[in-house]
Amino acid sequence: MKENASRHLAFAMDVDSFDEAEKWVKLLRGKVGLFKVGKQLFTRCGPDVVRMIRAEGGEVFLDLKYHDIPNTVAKAAVEACRLGVRMFNVHALGGGEMMRATSTAVREVCEREGIERPVVLAVTILTSSTDETLRQIGIDRPVTEMVPRLAALARDAGLDGVVASPREVGLIRSACGPEFRIVTPGVRPAFAAANDQKRVTTPAEAIRAGADYLVVGRPISAADDPVDAAARILAEIEEALSSSADG
């Protein structure tokens, strides 16, 4: 049962050294489905940290939120495929042309080089952002309108899913259908603090709303017993999966 639940859980490995990353991989491999490598760790350690996770039997969510001209992002996406990541993301605000170029490049390199195609996601609106954040940068539409709009743009460009707050999962499902993948950060179990995330919910609420993957960092890494914290989150995920199946 827990093995099934673990496929839905990604651990945000927001650390600043290779040794620290390796420690977390050895501790949590088999207990989480993915290790999320973000800007801090990748900038410090580079592709070697991805190779280490793969060598230890872990899967990688490369969370670099590529956002540049279409050709540059497409070429970066090709290298992510060659690294063997299971999942990576671009920023939906880069636009439809950028996302289409990425989708095409990923398909072509995977077919040509015999690479298992990763899940390609678009980031909609960061979970730290609010309507006021958007107004400050000149976007006069609310988060609840922008998220499904960007999700539909990503779907139409050939991407597999989005990264979005669990509070917008229902909106995305309505806009993009049941097969579109949704990865939700901003997930905080009841025993953990919200920290700097604004639009948060619990693991069970996110799964019941229709999220496919949950990204959890500090509730695990800052816990007195990280393995126990992960187990408690998995139990909550499993209960939500079971109730959804029964329903």
Protein backbone atom coordinates (compact mmCIF):
# COMPACT_ATOMS: atom_id res chain seq x y z
CA MET A 1 0.00 0.00 0.00
CA LYS A 2 2.68 2.51 0.97
CA GLU A 3 4.65 1.72 -2.21
CA ASN A 4 1.66 2.94 -4.19
CA ALA A 5 1.41 6.12 -2.15
CA SER A 6 5.13 6.84 -2.44
CA ARG A 7 4.83 7.25 -6.21
CA HIS A 8 2.82 10.39 -5.53
CA LEU A 9 5.37 12.01 -3.21
CA ALA A 10 8.35 14.13 -4.29
CA PHE A 11 10.86 15.27 -1.69
CA ALA A 12 12.11 18.81 -2.22
CA MET A 13 15.84 18.44 -1.67
CA ASP A 14 16.61 22.08 -0.96
CA VAL A 15 20.14 21.65 0.40
CA ASP A 16 23.46 23.28 -0.41
CA SER A 17 25.97 20.43 -0.72
CA PHE A 18 26.46 17.16 -2.52
CA ASP A 19 27.07 15.30 0.74
CA GLU A 20 23.83 16.59 2.23
CA ALA A 21 21.93 15.59 -0.88
CA GLU A 22 23.46 12.12 -0.82
CA LYS A 23 22.48 11.73 2.83
CA TRP A 24 18.83 12.48 2.04
CA VAL A 25 18.79 10.14 -0.94
CA LYS A 26 20.15 7.25 1.12
CA LEU A 27 17.69 8.01 3.94
CA LEU A 28 14.55 8.41 1.83
CA ARG A 29 15.07 6.24 -1.27
CA GLY A 30 12.20 3.80 -1.51
CA LYS A 31 10.12 6.06 0.75
CA VAL A 32 9.50 8.84 -1.77
CA GLY A 33 8.87 8.52 -5.48
CA LEU A 34 10.96 11.47 -6.65
CA PHE A 35 13.75 13.71 -5.43
CA LYS A 36 13.22 17.30 -6.52
CA VAL A 37 16.45 19.04 -7.51
CA GLY A 38 15.98 22.79 -7.67
CA LYS A 39 18.06 25.84 -8.49
CA GLN A 40 20.09 25.93 -5.28
CA LEU A 41 21.33 22.36 -5.40
CA PHE A 42 21.79 22.25 -9.18
CA THR A 43 23.74 25.52 -9.17
CA ARG A 44 26.01 24.18 -6.43
CA CYS A 45 26.50 20.61 -7.68
CA GLY A 46 25.42 20.55 -11.30
CA PRO A 47 24.44 17.42 -13.24
CA ASP A 48 26.53 15.22 -10.92
CA VAL A 49 23.85 15.38 -8.25
CA VAL A 50 21.27 14.11 -10.73
CA ARG A 51 23.59 11.26 -11.71
CA MET A 52 24.12 10.39 -8.04
CA ILE A 53 20.39 10.14 -7.40
CA ARG A 54 19.94 7.94 -10.45
CA ALA A 55 22.87 5.74 -9.41
CA GLU A 56 21.27 5.29 -5.98
CA GLY A 57 18.06 4.09 -7.64
CA GLY A 58 16.11 7.32 -7.22
CA GLU A 59 14.05 9.27 -9.75
CA VAL A 60 14.57 12.99 -10.32
CA PHE A 61 12.21 15.91 -10.72
CA LEU A 62 14.47 18.62 -12.17
CA ASP A 63 12.85 21.84 -11.01
CA LEU A 64 14.72 24.57 -12.89
CA LYS A 65 11.68 26.31 -14.44
CA TYR A 66 13.32 26.99 -17.80
CA HIS A 67 12.19 30.39 -19.14
CA ASP A 68 14.03 31.85 -22.12
CA ILE A 69 13.75 32.11 -25.89
CA PRO A 70 12.30 28.94 -27.48
CA ASN A 71 15.56 27.61 -28.91
CA THR A 72 17.45 28.01 -25.63
CA VAL A 73 14.77 26.26 -23.58
CA ALA A 74 14.43 23.45 -26.14
CA LYS A 75 18.16 22.78 -26.01
CA ALA A 76 18.14 22.75 -22.20
CA ALA A 77 15.22 20.31 -22.30
CA VAL A 78 17.21 17.97 -24.54
CA GLU A 79 20.03 17.88 -21.98
CA ALA A 80 17.54 17.20 -19.18
CA CYS A 81 16.34 14.18 -21.17
CA ARG A 82 19.90 12.95 -21.62
CA LEU A 83 20.48 13.22 -17.87
CA GLY A 84 17.70 10.69 -17.35
CA VAL A 85 15.38 12.84 -15.25
CA ARG A 86 11.87 11.51 -14.76
CA MET A 87 10.27 14.94 -14.78
CA PHE A 88 11.27 18.56 -15.46
CA ASN A 89 9.57 21.89 -15.90
CA VAL A 90 9.49 25.09 -17.90
CA HIS A 91 7.68 28.33 -17.08
CA ALA A 92 4.31 28.72 -18.79
CA LEU A 93 4.79 32.48 -18.88
CA GLY A 94 7.43 31.80 -21.54
CA GLY A 95 4.53 31.34 -23.92
CA GLY A 96 3.10 28.82 -26.32
CA GLU A 97 5.92 28.96 -28.88
CA MET A 98 8.53 28.22 -26.22
CA MET A 99 6.54 25.28 -24.86
CA ARG A 100 5.84 23.84 -28.33
CA ALA A 101 9.53 24.02 -29.22
CA THR A 102 10.34 22.20 -25.98
CA SER A 103 7.75 19.48 -26.56
CA THR A 104 8.99 18.88 -30.10
CA ALA A 105 12.66 18.76 -29.07
CA VAL A 106 11.93 16.31 -26.26
CA ARG A 107 9.97 13.98 -28.51
CA GLU A 108 12.64 14.03 -31.21
CA VAL A 109 15.66 13.41 -28.97
CA CYS A 110 13.93 10.64 -27.04
CA GLU A 111 12.92 8.84 -30.23
CA ARG A 112 16.31 9.31 -31.86
CA GLU A 113 18.44 8.31 -28.84
CA GLY A 114 16.15 5.72 -27.26
CA ILE A 115 15.58 7.75 -24.10
CA GLU A 116 12.53 7.19 -21.92
CA ARG A 117 10.53 10.35 -22.36
CA PRO A 118 10.27 12.39 -19.16
CA VAL A 119 7.13 14.11 -17.95
CA VAL A 120 7.32 17.72 -19.14
CA LEU A 121 5.53 20.23 -16.97
CA ALA A 122 4.81 23.94 -17.05
CA VAL A 123 4.85 26.14 -13.97
CA THR A 124 1.69 28.25 -13.84
CA ILE A 125 1.71 30.74 -10.96
CA LEU A 126 4.16 30.20 -8.10
CA THR A 127 2.55 29.15 -4.83
CA SER A 128 4.18 32.12 -3.09
CA SER A 129 2.28 34.49 -5.39
CA THR A 130 -1.03 36.23 -4.73
CA ASP A 131 -3.33 38.47 -6.78
CA GLU A 132 -1.35 41.43 -5.45
CA THR A 133 1.91 39.85 -6.65
CA LEU A 134 0.46 39.61 -10.15
CA ARG A 135 -0.77 43.21 -10.06
CA GLN A 136 2.73 44.37 -9.13
CA ILE A 137 4.10 42.91 -12.37
CA GLY A 138 1.29 44.21 -14.53
CA ILE A 139 -1.02 41.19 -14.68
CA ASP A 140 -4.50 42.41 -13.79
CA ARG A 141 -6.12 38.97 -13.83
CA PRO A 142 -6.51 36.99 -10.59
CA VAL A 143 -4.59 33.81 -9.83
CA THR A 144 -7.76 31.76 -10.27
CA GLU A 145 -8.06 32.97 -13.86
CA MET A 146 -4.37 32.87 -14.78
CA VAL A 147 -3.70 29.32 -13.58
CA PRO A 148 -6.24 27.48 -15.79
CA ARG A 149 -5.41 29.81 -18.69
CA LEU A 150 -1.71 28.95 -18.49
CA ALA A 151 -2.50 25.26 -17.96
CA ALA A 152 -4.59 25.15 -21.13
CA LEU A 153 -1.80 26.93 -23.02
CA ALA A 154 0.67 24.26 -21.84
CA ARG A 155 -1.67 21.42 -22.80
CA ASP A 156 -2.22 22.87 -26.27
CA ALA A 157 1.57 23.17 -26.69
CA GLY A 158 1.99 19.43 -26.07
CA LEU A 159 3.17 19.43 -22.46
CA ASP A 160 2.08 16.70 -20.06
CA GLY A 161 0.97 18.76 -17.10
CA VAL A 162 1.58 21.67 -14.80
CA VAL A 163 2.95 22.66 -11.45
CA ALA A 164 0.26 24.54 -9.55
CA SER A 165 -1.13 25.20 -6.10
CA PRO A 166 -3.44 22.45 -4.84
CA ARG A 167 -6.14 25.08 -4.48
CA GLU A 168 -6.29 25.41 -8.27
CA VAL A 169 -6.41 21.67 -9.06
CA GLY A 170 -10.16 21.71 -9.69
CA LEU A 171 -9.86 24.66 -12.07
CA ILE A 172 -7.11 22.90 -14.02
CA ARG A 173 -9.06 19.65 -14.22
CA SER A 174 -12.04 21.53 -15.63
CA ALA A 175 -9.86 23.28 -18.21
CA CYS A 176 -7.57 20.40 -19.20
CA GLY A 177 -9.29 17.11 -18.42
CA PRO A 178 -8.52 14.06 -16.26
CA GLU A 179 -5.31 12.87 -17.98
CA PHE A 180 -3.39 16.12 -17.58
CA ARG A 181 -0.75 15.74 -14.84
CA ILE A 182 -0.82 18.09 -11.87
CA VAL A 183 2.13 18.51 -9.50
CA THR A 184 1.39 20.49 -6.38
CA PRO A 185 3.87 22.23 -4.11
CA GLY A 186 2.49 24.25 -1.24
CA VAL A 187 1.46 21.04 0.52
CA ARG A 188 1.67 21.15 4.29
CA PRO A 189 0.47 18.37 6.59
CA ALA A 190 -1.28 19.45 9.75
CA PHE A 191 1.85 18.89 11.86
CA ALA A 192 3.98 21.36 9.83
CA ALA A 193 4.16 25.15 9.48
CA ALA A 194 3.15 26.91 6.26
CA ASN A 195 6.46 28.84 6.06
CA ASP A 196 6.51 31.19 3.03
CA GLN A 197 3.87 29.34 1.01
CA LYS A 198 0.63 31.32 0.71
CA ARG A 199 -1.78 28.98 -1.10
CA VAL A 200 -1.39 25.74 0.85
CA THR A 201 -3.42 22.65 1.68
CA THR A 202 -2.88 19.25 3.28
CA PRO A 203 -1.69 16.13 1.41
CA ALA A 204 -5.09 14.47 1.71
CA GLU A 205 -6.91 17.55 0.44
CA ALA A 206 -4.57 17.82 -2.54
CA ILE A 207 -5.01 14.16 -3.51
CA ARG A 208 -8.77 14.31 -3.11
CA ALA A 209 -8.84 17.41 -5.29
CA GLY A 210 -7.11 15.45 -8.04
CA ALA A 211 -3.39 16.16 -7.71
CA ASP A 212 -1.09 13.50 -9.18
CA TYR A 213 2.14 14.36 -7.35
CA LEU A 214 2.81 16.26 -4.13
CA VAL A 215 6.04 18.15 -3.48
CA VAL A 216 7.00 18.26 0.21
CA GLY A 217 10.22 19.64 1.65
CA ARG A 218 10.48 21.24 5.07
CA PRO A 219 7.75 19.16 6.74
CA ILE A 220 10.08 16.20 6.15
CA SER A 221 13.55 17.76 6.29
CA ALA A 222 12.87 19.88 9.39
CA ALA A 223 11.15 17.08 11.33
CA ASP A 224 12.82 15.51 14.34
CA ASP A 225 12.35 12.16 12.60
CA PRO A 226 12.23 12.72 8.82
CA VAL A 227 11.49 9.07 8.02
CA ASP A 228 8.52 9.11 10.39
CA ALA A 229 7.31 12.42 8.91
CA ALA A 230 7.46 10.92 5.42
CA ALA A 231 5.59 7.85 6.65
CA ARG A 232 2.84 10.02 8.16
CA ILE A 233 2.46 11.91 4.88
CA LEU A 234 2.33 8.63 2.94
CA ALA A 235 -0.36 7.35 5.29
CA GLU A 236 -2.42 10.46 4.61
CA ILE A 237 -1.92 10.07 0.86
CA GLU A 238 -2.86 6.39 1.02
CA GLU A 239 -6.04 7.15 2.95
CA ALA A 240 -7.02 9.80 0.41
CA LEU A 241 -6.30 7.44 -2.51
CA SER A 242 -8.38 4.73 -0.90
CA SER A 243 -11.33 7.03 -0.26
CA SER A 244 -11.14 8.36 -3.83
CA ALA A 245 -11.15 4.81 -5.19
CA ASP A 246 -14.10 3.87 -3.00
CA GLY A 247 -15.96 6.93 -4.13
